Amino acid sequence: MNTATRVYDRGFVRRSDASIQISARQWGVIALVFGLLLSAFGVVYAKDLNRRLFIQYQGLQQAQQQYQVSWSKLLLEQGALSTQSRIQVIAQRELHMVTPFSRDVVLVES
């Protein structure tokens, strides 16, 4: 082997050994980069989760408003169906009830 080849071979071996060794400072930089990437993915995940939860919240709010409207309508309907005049009409038509005359009323004392 000639001299140039021997020098080149030795230099290549030394370079490959040097590239495998990582100093403590380089490990620190690698750890910081890894932490930065992990933090970035965490921010993206949290933002996406926040958006999804907000969309779900808006849907639930709309459903609540619809239920509130339905409840108000049902209360109005209940009020209309339970008026004294309507009950009296139903009692007369369906149950054939009549208002008694005053001579037919009997007072019972206890």
PDB file of N, CA and C in Angstrom:
ATOM      1  N   MET A   1       0.837  -1.173   0.000  1.00  0.00           N
ATOM      2  CA  MET A   1       0.000   0.000   0.000  1.00  0.00           C
ATOM      3  C   MET A   1       0.881   1.234   0.000  1.00  0.00           C
ATOM      4  N   ASN A   2       0.496   2.225  -0.701  1.00  0.00           N
ATOM      5  CA  ASN A   2       1.334   3.409  -0.690  1.00  0.00           C
ATOM      6  C   ASN A   2       0.952   4.304   0.498  1.00  0.00           C
ATOM      7  N   THR A   3       1.711   5.319   0.705  1.00  0.00           N
ATOM      8  CA  THR A   3       1.575   6.173   1.886  1.00  0.00           C
ATOM      9  C   THR A   3       0.272   6.956   1.877  1.00  0.00           C
ATOM     10  N   ALA A   4      -0.127   7.427   0.715  1.00  0.00           N
ATOM     11  CA  ALA A   4      -1.354   8.226   0.635  1.00  0.00           C
ATOM     12  C   ALA A   4      -2.566   7.386   1.023  1.00  0.00           C
ATOM     13  N   THR A   5      -2.576   6.150   0.635  1.00  0.00           N
ATOM     14  CA  THR A   5      -3.702   5.284   0.965  1.00  0.00           C
ATOM     15  C   THR A   5      -3.737   5.010   2.456  1.00  0.00           C
ATOM     16  N   ARG A   6      -2.551   4.778   3.051  1.00  0.00           N
ATOM     17  CA  ARG A   6      -2.510   4.531   4.497  1.00  0.00           C
ATOM     18  C   ARG A   6      -2.996   5.742   5.276  1.00  0.00           C
ATOM     19  N   VAL A   7      -2.612   6.937   4.904  1.00  0.00           N
ATOM     20  CA  VAL A   7      -3.021   8.159   5.591  1.00  0.00           C
ATOM     21  C   VAL A   7      -4.522   8.355   5.425  1.00  0.00           C
ATOM     22  N   TYR A   8      -4.992   8.112   4.215  1.00  0.00           N
ATOM     23  CA  TYR A   8      -6.431   8.254   3.953  1.00  0.00           C
ATOM     24  C   TYR A   8      -7.228   7.253   4.776  1.00  0.00           C
ATOM     25  N   ASP A   9      -6.778   6.016   4.846  1.00  0.00           N
ATOM     26  CA  ASP A   9      -7.471   4.982   5.618  1.00  0.00           C
ATOM     27  C   ASP A   9      -7.484   5.330   7.098  1.00  0.00           C
ATOM     28  N   ARG A  10      -6.392   5.780   7.623  1.00  0.00           N
ATOM     29  CA  ARG A  10      -6.325   6.140   9.053  1.00  0.00           C
ATOM     30  C   ARG A  10      -7.236   7.338   9.338  1.00  0.00           C
ATOM     31  N   GLY A  11      -7.221   8.307   8.462  1.00  0.00           N
ATOM     32  CA  GLY A  11      -8.071   9.482   8.647  1.00  0.00           C
ATOM     33  C   GLY A  11      -9.542   9.124   8.592  1.00  0.00           C
ATOM     34  N   PHE A  12      -9.873   8.212   7.707  1.00  0.00           N
ATOM     35  CA  PHE A  12     -11.280   7.784   7.586  1.00  0.00           C
ATOM     36  C   PHE A  12     -11.730   7.057   8.842  1.00  0.00           C
ATOM     37  N   VAL A  13     -10.854   6.243   9.392  1.00  0.00           N
ATOM     38  CA  VAL A  13     -11.199   5.511  10.616  1.00  0.00           C
ATOM     39  C   VAL A  13     -11.370   6.486  11.761  1.00  0.00           C
ATOM     40  N   ARG A  14     -10.503   7.436  11.833  1.00  0.00           N
ATOM     41  CA  ARG A  14     -10.597   8.419  12.906  1.00  0.00           C
ATOM     42  C   ARG A  14     -11.867   9.261  12.755  1.00  0.00           C
ATOM     43  N   ARG A  15     -12.185   9.610  11.534  1.00  0.00           N
ATOM     44  CA  ARG A  15     -13.387  10.404  11.318  1.00  0.00           C
ATOM     45  C   ARG A  15     -14.640   9.619  11.696  1.00  0.00           C
ATOM     46  N   SER A  16     -14.700   8.358  11.341  1.00  0.00           N
ATOM     47  CA  SER A  16     -15.879   7.563  11.667  1.00  0.00           C
ATOM     48  C   SER A  16     -15.986   7.369  13.179  1.00  0.00           C
ATOM     49  N   ASP A  17     -14.863   7.239  13.869  1.00  0.00           N
ATOM     50  CA  ASP A  17     -14.905   7.123  15.326  1.00  0.00           C
ATOM     51  C   ASP A  17     -15.360   8.439  15.949  1.00  0.00           C
ATOM     52  N   ALA A  18     -14.903   9.545  15.402  1.00  0.00           N
ATOM     53  CA  ALA A  18     -15.251  10.855  15.950  1.00  0.00           C
ATOM     54  C   ALA A  18     -16.722  11.162  15.718  1.00  0.00           C
ATOM     55  N   SER A  19     -17.309  10.705  14.621  1.00  0.00           N
ATOM     56  CA  SER A  19     -18.706  11.015  14.350  1.00  0.00           C
ATOM     57  C   SER A  19     -19.647  10.196  15.232  1.00  0.00           C
ATOM     58  N   ILE A  20     -19.180   9.075  15.731  1.00  0.00           N
ATOM     59  CA  ILE A  20     -20.017   8.247  16.596  1.00  0.00           C
ATOM     60  C   ILE A  20     -20.076   8.846  17.994  1.00  0.00           C
ATOM     61  N   GLN A  21     -19.049   9.465  18.428  1.00  0.00           N
ATOM     62  CA  GLN A  21     -19.018  10.039  19.776  1.00  0.00           C
ATOM     63  C   GLN A  21     -19.836  11.327  19.798  1.00  0.00           C
ATOM     64  N   ILE A  22     -20.729  11.403  20.781  1.00  0.00           N
ATOM     65  CA  ILE A  22     -21.542  12.606  20.934  1.00  0.00           C
ATOM     66  C   ILE A  22     -21.264  13.175  22.316  1.00  0.00           C
ATOM     67  N   SER A  23     -20.970  14.443  22.347  1.00  0.00           N
ATOM     68  CA  SER A  23     -20.626  15.069  23.625  1.00  0.00           C
ATOM     69  C   SER A  23     -21.885  15.345  24.441  1.00  0.00           C
ATOM     70  N   ALA A  24     -21.673  15.700  25.686  1.00  0.00           N
ATOM     71  CA  ALA A  24     -22.794  15.989  26.586  1.00  0.00           C
ATOM     72  C   ALA A  24     -23.577  17.208  26.101  1.00  0.00           C
ATOM     73  N   ARG A  25     -22.884  18.168  25.551  1.00  0.00           N
ATOM     74  CA  ARG A  25     -23.548  19.356  25.021  1.00  0.00           C
ATOM     75  C   ARG A  25     -24.460  19.007  23.843  1.00  0.00           C
ATOM     76  N   GLN A  26     -23.978  18.114  22.978  1.00  0.00           N
ATOM     77  CA  GLN A  26     -24.792  17.682  21.854  1.00  0.00           C
ATOM     78  C   GLN A  26     -26.022  16.890  22.338  1.00  0.00           C
ATOM     79  N   TRP A  27     -25.830  16.070  23.377  1.00  0.00           N
ATOM     80  CA  TRP A  27     -26.987  15.362  23.946  1.00  0.00           C
ATOM     81  C   TRP A  27     -28.001  16.361  24.499  1.00  0.00           C
ATOM     82  N   GLY A  28     -27.508  17.416  25.108  1.00  0.00           N
ATOM     83  CA  GLY A  28     -28.400  18.448  25.626  1.00  0.00           C
ATOM     84  C   GLY A  28     -29.190  19.122  24.517  1.00  0.00           C
ATOM     85  N   VAL A  29     -28.506  19.420  23.406  1.00  0.00           N
ATOM     86  CA  VAL A  29     -29.175  20.044  22.258  1.00  0.00           C
ATOM     87  C   VAL A  29     -30.216  19.084  21.685  1.00  0.00           C
ATOM     88  N   ILE A  30     -29.853  17.813  21.574  1.00  0.00           N
ATOM     89  CA  ILE A  30     -30.803  16.815  21.053  1.00  0.00           C
ATOM     90  C   ILE A  30     -32.020  16.722  21.972  1.00  0.00           C
ATOM     91  N   ALA A  31     -31.787  16.715  23.273  1.00  0.00           N
ATOM     92  CA  ALA A  31     -32.900  16.649  24.227  1.00  0.00           C
ATOM     93  C   ALA A  31     -33.785  17.894  24.113  1.00  0.00           C
ATOM     94  N   LEU A  32     -33.177  19.061  23.947  1.00  0.00           N
ATOM     95  CA  LEU A  32     -33.965  20.286  23.801  1.00  0.00           C
ATOM     96  C   LEU A  32     -34.783  20.274  22.509  1.00  0.00           C
ATOM     97  N   VAL A  33     -34.195  19.805  21.428  1.00  0.00           N
ATOM     98  CA  VAL A  33     -34.926  19.720  20.159  1.00  0.00           C
ATOM     99  C   VAL A  33     -36.086  18.734  20.295  1.00  0.00           C
ATOM    100  N   PHE A  34     -35.835  17.593  20.924  1.00  0.00           N
ATOM    101  CA  PHE A  34     -36.892  16.608  21.144  1.00  0.00           C
ATOM    102  C   PHE A  34     -38.006  17.200  22.019  1.00  0.00           C
ATOM    103  N   GLY A  35     -37.612  17.915  23.071  1.00  0.00           N
ATOM    104  CA  GLY A  35     -38.603  18.570  23.932  1.00  0.00           C
ATOM    105  C   GLY A  35     -39.401  19.624  23.189  1.00  0.00           C
ATOM    106  N   LEU A  36     -38.730  20.361  22.319  1.00  0.00           N
ATOM    107  CA  LEU A  36     -39.408  21.377  21.521  1.00  0.00           C
ATOM    108  C   LEU A  36     -40.425  20.750  20.586  1.00  0.00           C
ATOM    109  N   LEU A  37     -40.050  19.667  19.915  1.00  0.00           N
ATOM    110  CA  LEU A  37     -40.979  18.972  19.019  1.00  0.00           C
ATOM    111  C   LEU A  37     -42.156  18.394  19.792  1.00  0.00           C
ATOM    112  N   LEU A  38     -41.873  17.803  20.934  1.00  0.00           N
ATOM    113  CA  LEU A  38     -42.942  17.240  21.765  1.00  0.00           C
ATOM    114  C   LEU A  38     -43.892  18.340  22.234  1.00  0.00           C
ATOM    115  N   SER A  39     -43.338  19.470  22.611  1.00  0.00           N
ATOM    116  CA  SER A  39     -44.159  20.598  23.027  1.00  0.00           C
ATOM    117  C   SER A  39     -45.007  21.127  21.875  1.00  0.00           C
ATOM    118  N   ALA A  40     -44.433  21.192  20.689  1.00  0.00           N
ATOM    119  CA  ALA A  40     -45.181  21.675  19.518  1.00  0.00           C
ATOM    120  C   ALA A  40     -46.343  20.744  19.201  1.00  0.00           C
ATOM    121  N   PHE A  41     -46.101  19.432  19.240  1.00  0.00           N
ATOM    122  CA  PHE A  41     -47.193  18.488  19.000  1.00  0.00           C
ATOM    123  C   PHE A  41     -48.256  18.591  20.089  1.00  0.00           C
ATOM    124  N   GLY A  42     -47.823  18.843  21.315  1.00  0.00           N
ATOM    125  CA  GLY A  42     -48.777  19.021  22.411  1.00  0.00           C
ATOM    126  C   GLY A  42     -49.660  20.239  22.204  1.00  0.00           C
ATOM    127  N   VAL A  43     -49.089  21.321  21.723  1.00  0.00           N
ATOM    128  CA  VAL A  43     -49.865  22.534  21.451  1.00  0.00           C
ATOM    129  C   VAL A  43     -50.872  22.286  20.337  1.00  0.00           C
ATOM    130  N   VAL A  44     -50.445  21.602  19.289  1.00  0.00           N
ATOM    131  CA  VAL A  44     -51.351  21.305  18.171  1.00  0.00           C
ATOM    132  C   VAL A  44     -52.497  20.417  18.653  1.00  0.00           C
ATOM    133  N   TYR A  45     -52.174  19.400  19.458  1.00  0.00           N
ATOM    134  CA  TYR A  45     -53.208  18.495  19.976  1.00  0.00           C
ATOM    135  C   TYR A  45     -54.191  19.253  20.876  1.00  0.00           C
ATOM    136  N   ALA A  46     -53.669  20.087  21.763  1.00  0.00           N
ATOM    137  CA  ALA A  46     -54.533  20.832  22.675  1.00  0.00           C
ATOM    138  C   ALA A  46     -55.441  21.797  21.905  1.00  0.00           C
ATOM    139  N   LYS A  47     -54.923  22.434  20.880  1.00  0.00           N
ATOM    140  CA  LYS A  47     -55.717  23.361  20.081  1.00  0.00           C
ATOM    141  C   LYS A  47     -56.829  22.619  19.333  1.00  0.00           C
ATOM    142  N   ASP A  48     -56.495  21.465  18.773  1.00  0.00           N
ATOM    143  CA  ASP A  48     -57.492  20.659  18.063  1.00  0.00           C
ATOM    144  C   ASP A  48     -58.565  20.173  19.034  1.00  0.00           C
ATOM    145  N   LEU A  49     -58.147  19.719  20.200  1.00  0.00           N
ATOM    146  CA  LEU A  49     -59.111  19.259  21.209  1.00  0.00           C
ATOM    147  C   LEU A  49     -60.007  20.405  21.649  1.00  0.00           C
ATOM    148  N   ASN A  50     -59.439  21.584  21.815  1.00  0.00           N
ATOM    149  CA  ASN A  50     -60.224  22.758  22.197  1.00  0.00           C
ATOM    150  C   ASN A  50     -61.267  23.081  21.135  1.00  0.00           C
ATOM    151  N   ARG A  51     -60.891  23.019  19.880  1.00  0.00           N
ATOM    152  CA  ARG A  51     -61.845  23.297  18.795  1.00  0.00           C
ATOM    153  C   ARG A  51     -62.980  22.281  18.792  1.00  0.00           C
ATOM    154  N   ARG A  52     -62.626  21.007  18.928  1.00  0.00           N
ATOM    155  CA  ARG A  52     -63.654  19.964  18.929  1.00  0.00           C
ATOM    156  C   ARG A  52     -64.622  20.134  20.098  1.00  0.00           C
ATOM    157  N   LEU A  53     -64.082  20.422  21.272  1.00  0.00           N
ATOM    158  CA  LEU A  53     -64.938  20.611  22.444  1.00  0.00           C
ATOM    159  C   LEU A  53     -65.812  21.850  22.297  1.00  0.00           C
ATOM    160  N   PHE A  54     -65.295  22.905  21.683  1.00  0.00           N
ATOM    161  CA  PHE A  54     -66.089  24.109  21.487  1.00  0.00           C
ATOM    162  C   PHE A  54     -67.226  23.850  20.503  1.00  0.00           C
ATOM    163  N   ILE A  55     -66.953  23.087  19.442  1.00  0.00           N
ATOM    164  CA  ILE A  55     -68.009  22.737  18.489  1.00  0.00           C
ATOM    165  C   ILE A  55     -69.080  21.902  19.186  1.00  0.00           C
ATOM    166  N   GLN A  56     -68.656  20.959  20.017  1.00  0.00           N
ATOM    167  CA  GLN A  56     -69.615  20.143  20.768  1.00  0.00           C
ATOM    168  C   GLN A  56     -70.422  21.014  21.736  1.00  0.00           C
ATOM    169  N   TYR A  57     -69.771  21.969  22.373  1.00  0.00           N
ATOM    170  CA  TYR A  57     -70.446  22.883  23.296  1.00  0.00           C
ATOM    171  C   TYR A  57     -71.510  23.703  22.567  1.00  0.00           C
ATOM    172  N   GLN A  58     -71.173  24.206  21.374  1.00  0.00           N
ATOM    173  CA  GLN A  58     -72.147  24.982  20.609  1.00  0.00           C
ATOM    174  C   GLN A  58     -73.346  24.129  20.218  1.00  0.00           C
ATOM    175  N   GLY A  59     -73.102  22.879  19.831  1.00  0.00           N
ATOM    176  CA  GLY A  59     -74.206  21.980  19.490  1.00  0.00           C
ATOM    177  C   GLY A  59     -75.104  21.721  20.687  1.00  0.00           C
ATOM    178  N   LEU A  60     -74.508  21.542  21.848  1.00  0.00           N
ATOM    179  CA  LEU A  60     -75.297  21.319  23.062  1.00  0.00           C
ATOM    180  C   LEU A  60     -76.083  22.567  23.457  1.00  0.00           C
ATOM    181  N   GLN A  61     -75.499  23.730  23.227  1.00  0.00           N
ATOM    182  CA  GLN A  61     -76.226  24.974  23.512  1.00  0.00           C
ATOM    183  C   GLN A  61     -77.440  25.115  22.603  1.00  0.00           C
ATOM    184  N   GLN A  62     -77.288  24.791  21.327  1.00  0.00           N
ATOM    185  CA  GLN A  62     -78.423  24.860  20.407  1.00  0.00           C
ATOM    186  C   GLN A  62     -79.509  23.876  20.811  1.00  0.00           C
ATOM    187  N   ALA A  63     -79.109  22.675  21.216  1.00  0.00           N
ATOM    188  CA  ALA A  63     -80.091  21.684  21.669  1.00  0.00           C
ATOM    189  C   ALA A  63     -80.814  22.187  22.912  1.00  0.00           C
ATOM    190  N   GLN A  64     -80.089  22.816  23.826  1.00  0.00           N
ATOM    191  CA  GLN A  64     -80.709  23.352  25.035  1.00  0.00           C
ATOM    192  C   GLN A  64     -81.723  24.439  24.680  1.00  0.00           C
ATOM    193  N   GLN A  65     -81.388  25.299  23.730  1.00  0.00           N
ATOM    194  CA  GLN A  65     -82.324  26.342  23.327  1.00  0.00           C
ATOM    195  C   GLN A  65     -83.577  25.748  22.706  1.00  0.00           C
ATOM    196  N   GLN A  66     -83.421  24.691  21.915  1.00  0.00           N
ATOM    197  CA  GLN A  66     -84.582  24.036  21.317  1.00  0.00           C
ATOM    198  C   GLN A  66     -85.454  23.396  22.395  1.00  0.00           C
ATOM    199  N   TYR A  67     -84.812  22.763  23.382  1.00  0.00           N
ATOM    200  CA  TYR A  67     -85.576  22.172  24.483  1.00  0.00           C
ATOM    201  C   TYR A  67     -86.294  23.245  25.295  1.00  0.00           C
ATOM    202  N   GLN A  68     -85.653  24.386  25.467  1.00  0.00           N
ATOM    203  CA  GLN A  68     -86.273  25.492  26.202  1.00  0.00           C
ATOM    204  C   GLN A  68     -87.512  25.996  25.462  1.00  0.00           C
ATOM    205  N   VAL A  69     -87.424  26.121  24.145  1.00  0.00           N
ATOM    206  CA  VAL A  69     -88.561  26.562  23.343  1.00  0.00           C
ATOM    207  C   VAL A  69     -89.691  25.536  23.435  1.00  0.00           C
ATOM    208  N   SER A  70     -89.331  24.251  23.325  1.00  0.00           N
ATOM    209  CA  SER A  70     -90.347  23.200  23.428  1.00  0.00           C
ATOM    210  C   SER A  70     -91.014  23.218  24.794  1.00  0.00           C
ATOM    211  N   TRP A  71     -90.234  23.410  25.835  1.00  0.00           N
ATOM    212  CA  TRP A  71     -90.781  23.451  27.195  1.00  0.00           C
ATOM    213  C   TRP A  71     -91.740  24.628  27.352  1.00  0.00           C
ATOM    214  N   SER A  72     -91.377  25.772  26.810  1.00  0.00           N
ATOM    215  CA  SER A  72     -92.255  26.942  26.888  1.00  0.00           C
ATOM    216  C   SER A  72     -93.567  26.683  26.154  1.00  0.00           C
ATOM    217  N   LYS A  73     -93.485  26.046  24.984  1.00  0.00           N
ATOM    218  CA  LYS A  73     -94.709  25.724  24.241  1.00  0.00           C
ATOM    219  C   LYS A  73     -95.581  24.754  25.020  1.00  0.00           C
ATOM    220  N   LEU A  74     -94.958  23.762  25.655  1.00  0.00           N
ATOM    221  CA  LEU A  74     -95.728  22.797  26.438  1.00  0.00           C
ATOM    222  C   LEU A  74     -96.403  23.457  27.644  1.00  0.00           C
ATOM    223  N   LEU A  75     -95.713  24.398  28.272  1.00  0.00           N
ATOM    224  CA  LEU A  75     -96.317  25.113  29.409  1.00  0.00           C
ATOM    225  C   LEU A  75     -97.518  25.935  28.954  1.00  0.00           C
ATOM    226  N   LEU A  76     -97.386  26.595  27.788  1.00  0.00           N
ATOM    227  CA  LEU A  76     -98.514  27.358  27.254  1.00  0.00           C
ATOM    228  C   LEU A  76     -99.684  26.433  26.920  1.00  0.00           C
ATOM    229  N   GLU A  77     -99.377  25.289  26.329  1.00  0.00           N
ATOM    230  CA  GLU A  77    -100.431  24.340  25.982  1.00  0.00           C
ATOM    231  C   GLU A  77    -101.104  23.797  27.242  1.00  0.00           C
ATOM    232  N   GLN A  78    -100.306  23.522  28.259  1.00  0.00           N
ATOM    233  CA  GLN A  78    -100.878  23.039  29.514  1.00  0.00           C
ATOM    234  C   GLN A  78    -101.786  24.103  30.128  1.00  0.00           C
ATOM    235  N   GLY A  79    -101.343  25.333  30.075  1.00  0.00           N
ATOM    236  CA  GLY A  79    -102.175  26.417  30.614  1.00  0.00           C
ATOM    237  C   GLY A  79    -103.482  26.556  29.851  1.00  0.00           C
ATOM    238  N   ALA A  80    -103.417  26.391  28.543  1.00  0.00           N
ATOM    239  CA  ALA A  80    -104.623  26.516  27.728  1.00  0.00           C
ATOM    240  C   ALA A  80    -105.566  25.338  27.957  1.00  0.00           C
ATOM    241  N   LEU A  81    -105.016  24.155  28.139  1.00  0.00           N
ATOM    242  CA  LEU A  81    -105.859  22.966  28.315  1.00  0.00           C
ATOM    243  C   LEU A  81    -106.441  22.847  29.719  1.00  0.00           C
ATOM    244  N   SER A  82    -105.872  23.534  30.663  1.00  0.00           N
ATOM    245  CA  SER A  82    -106.357  23.387  32.028  1.00  0.00           C
ATOM    246  C   SER A  82    -107.197  24.578  32.510  1.00  0.00           C
ATOM    247  N   THR A  83    -107.717  25.350  31.603  1.00  0.00           N
ATOM    248  CA  THR A  83    -108.574  26.459  32.026  1.00  0.00           C
ATOM    249  C   THR A  83    -109.911  25.911  32.526  1.00  0.00           C
ATOM    250  N   GLN A  84    -110.534  26.659  33.404  1.00  0.00           N
ATOM    251  CA  GLN A  84    -111.779  26.222  34.032  1.00  0.00           C
ATOM    252  C   GLN A  84    -112.898  26.016  33.004  1.00  0.00           C
ATOM    253  N   SER A  85    -112.985  26.912  32.038  1.00  0.00           N
ATOM    254  CA  SER A  85    -114.062  26.793  31.054  1.00  0.00           C
ATOM    255  C   SER A  85    -113.887  25.547  30.185  1.00  0.00           C
ATOM    256  N   ARG A  86    -112.676  25.230  29.816  1.00  0.00           N
ATOM    257  CA  ARG A  86    -112.445  24.025  29.000  1.00  0.00           C
ATOM    258  C   ARG A  86    -112.770  22.773  29.793  1.00  0.00           C
ATOM    259  N   ILE A  87    -112.373  22.729  31.042  1.00  0.00           N
ATOM    260  CA  ILE A  87    -112.676  21.559  31.879  1.00  0.00           C
ATOM    261  C   ILE A  87    -114.185  21.393  32.039  1.00  0.00           C
ATOM    262  N   GLN A  88    -114.879  22.495  32.201  1.00  0.00           N
ATOM    263  CA  GLN A  88    -116.332  22.427  32.353  1.00  0.00           C
ATOM    264  C   GLN A  88    -116.988  21.916  31.069  1.00  0.00           C
ATOM    265  N   VAL A  89    -116.508  22.363  29.915  1.00  0.00           N
ATOM    266  CA  VAL A  89    -117.070  21.901  28.636  1.00  0.00           C
ATOM    267  C   VAL A  89    -116.821  20.404  28.466  1.00  0.00           C
ATOM    268  N   ILE A  90    -115.629  19.935  28.778  1.00  0.00           N
ATOM    269  CA  ILE A  90    -115.325  18.500  28.648  1.00  0.00           C
ATOM    270  C   ILE A  90    -116.178  17.685  29.616  1.00  0.00           C
ATOM    271  N   ALA A  91    -116.350  18.182  30.830  1.00  0.00           N
ATOM    272  CA  ALA A  91    -117.171  17.466  31.814  1.00  0.00           C
ATOM    273  C   ALA A  91    -118.620  17.356  31.338  1.00  0.00           C
ATOM    274  N   GLN A  92    -119.129  18.394  30.715  1.00  0.00           N
ATOM    275  CA  GLN A  92    -120.511  18.350  30.243  1.00  0.00           C
ATOM    276  C   GLN A  92    -120.663  17.458  29.015  1.00  0.00           C
ATOM    277  N   ARG A  93    -119.730  17.529  28.068  1.00  0.00           N
ATOM    278  CA  ARG A  93    -119.858  16.752  26.826  1.00  0.00           C
ATOM    279  C   ARG A  93    -119.527  15.277  27.020  1.00  0.00           C
ATOM    280  N   GLU A  94    -118.361  14.982  27.587  1.00  0.00           N
ATOM    281  CA  GLU A  94    -117.882  13.606  27.634  1.00  0.00           C
ATOM    282  C   GLU A  94    -118.406  12.837  28.848  1.00  0.00           C
ATOM    283  N   LEU A  95    -118.524  13.500  29.972  1.00  0.00           N
ATOM    284  CA  LEU A  95    -118.950  12.805  31.191  1.00  0.00           C
ATOM    285  C   LEU A  95    -120.425  13.055  31.530  1.00  0.00           C
ATOM    286  N   HIS A  96    -121.080  13.882  30.719  1.00  0.00           N
ATOM    287  CA  HIS A  96    -122.505  14.214  30.909  1.00  0.00           C
ATOM    288  C   HIS A  96    -122.775  14.738  32.313  1.00  0.00           C
ATOM    289  N   MET A  97    -121.902  15.600  32.767  1.00  0.00           N
ATOM    290  CA  MET A  97    -122.073  16.205  34.085  1.00  0.00           C
ATOM    291  C   MET A  97    -122.816  17.527  33.923  1.00  0.00           C
ATOM    292  N   VAL A  98    -123.586  17.872  34.941  1.00  0.00           N
ATOM    293  CA  VAL A  98    -124.336  19.128  34.927  1.00  0.00           C
ATOM    294  C   VAL A  98    -124.093  19.856  36.230  1.00  0.00           C
ATOM    295  N   THR A  99    -124.261  21.138  36.204  1.00  0.00           N
ATOM    296  CA  THR A  99    -124.143  21.932  37.425  1.00  0.00           C
ATOM    297  C   THR A  99    -125.437  21.751  38.220  1.00  0.00           C
ATOM    298  N   PRO A 100    -125.302  21.367  39.498  1.00  0.00           N
ATOM    299  CA  PRO A 100    -126.529  21.121  40.277  1.00  0.00           C
ATOM    300  C   PRO A 100    -127.248  22.432  40.609  1.00  0.00           C
ATOM    301  N   PHE A 101    -128.550  22.315  40.766  1.00  0.00           N
ATOM    302  CA  PHE A 101    -129.326  23.469  41.207  1.00  0.00           C
ATOM    303  C   PHE A 101    -129.111  23.640  42.698  1.00  0.00           C
ATOM    304  N   SER A 102    -129.429  24.811  43.180  1.00  0.00           N
ATOM    305  CA  SER A 102    -129.197  25.084  44.599  1.00  0.00           C
ATOM    306  C   SER A 102    -130.078  24.218  45.495  1.00  0.00           C
ATOM    307  N   ARG A 103    -131.270  23.817  45.036  1.00  0.00           N
ATOM    308  CA  ARG A 103    -132.140  22.967  45.866  1.00  0.00           C
ATOM    309  C   ARG A 103    -131.605  21.541  45.960  1.00  0.00           C
ATOM    310  N   ASP A 104    -130.703  21.137  44.977  1.00  0.00           N
ATOM    311  CA  ASP A 104    -130.153  19.791  44.994  1.00  0.00           C
ATOM    312  C   ASP A 104    -128.873  19.683  45.823  1.00  0.00           C
ATOM    313  N   VAL A 105    -128.365  20.787  46.291  1.00  0.00           N
ATOM    314  CA  VAL A 105    -127.127  20.797  47.063  1.00  0.00           C
ATOM    315  C   VAL A 105    -127.455  20.504  48.510  1.00  0.00           C
ATOM    316  N   VAL A 106    -126.759  19.545  49.101  1.00  0.00           N
ATOM    317  CA  VAL A 106    -126.961  19.170  50.508  1.00  0.00           C
ATOM    318  C   VAL A 106    -125.675  19.442  51.255  1.00  0.00           C
ATOM    319  N   LEU A 107    -125.781  20.154  52.367  1.00  0.00           N
ATOM    320  CA  LEU A 107    -124.621  20.469  53.196  1.00  0.00           C
ATOM    321  C   LEU A 107    -124.548  19.433  54.303  1.00  0.00           C
ATOM    322  N   VAL A 108    -123.379  18.849  54.465  1.00  0.00           N
ATOM    323  CA  VAL A 108    -123.170  17.864  55.511  1.00  0.00           C
ATOM    324  C   VAL A 108    -122.204  18.472  56.515  1.00  0.00           C
ATOM    325  N   GLU A 109    -122.637  18.521  57.779  1.00  0.00           N
ATOM    326  CA  GLU A 109    -121.753  19.055  58.808  1.00  0.00           C
ATOM    327  C   GLU A 109    -121.061  17.920  59.511  1.00  0.00           C
ATOM    328  N   SER A 110    -119.831  18.151  59.851  1.00  0.00           N
ATOM    329  CA  SER A 110    -119.099  17.073  60.508  1.00  0.00           C
ATOM    330  C   SER A 110    -119.210  17.127  62.007  1.00  0.00           C
TER     331      SER A 110
END
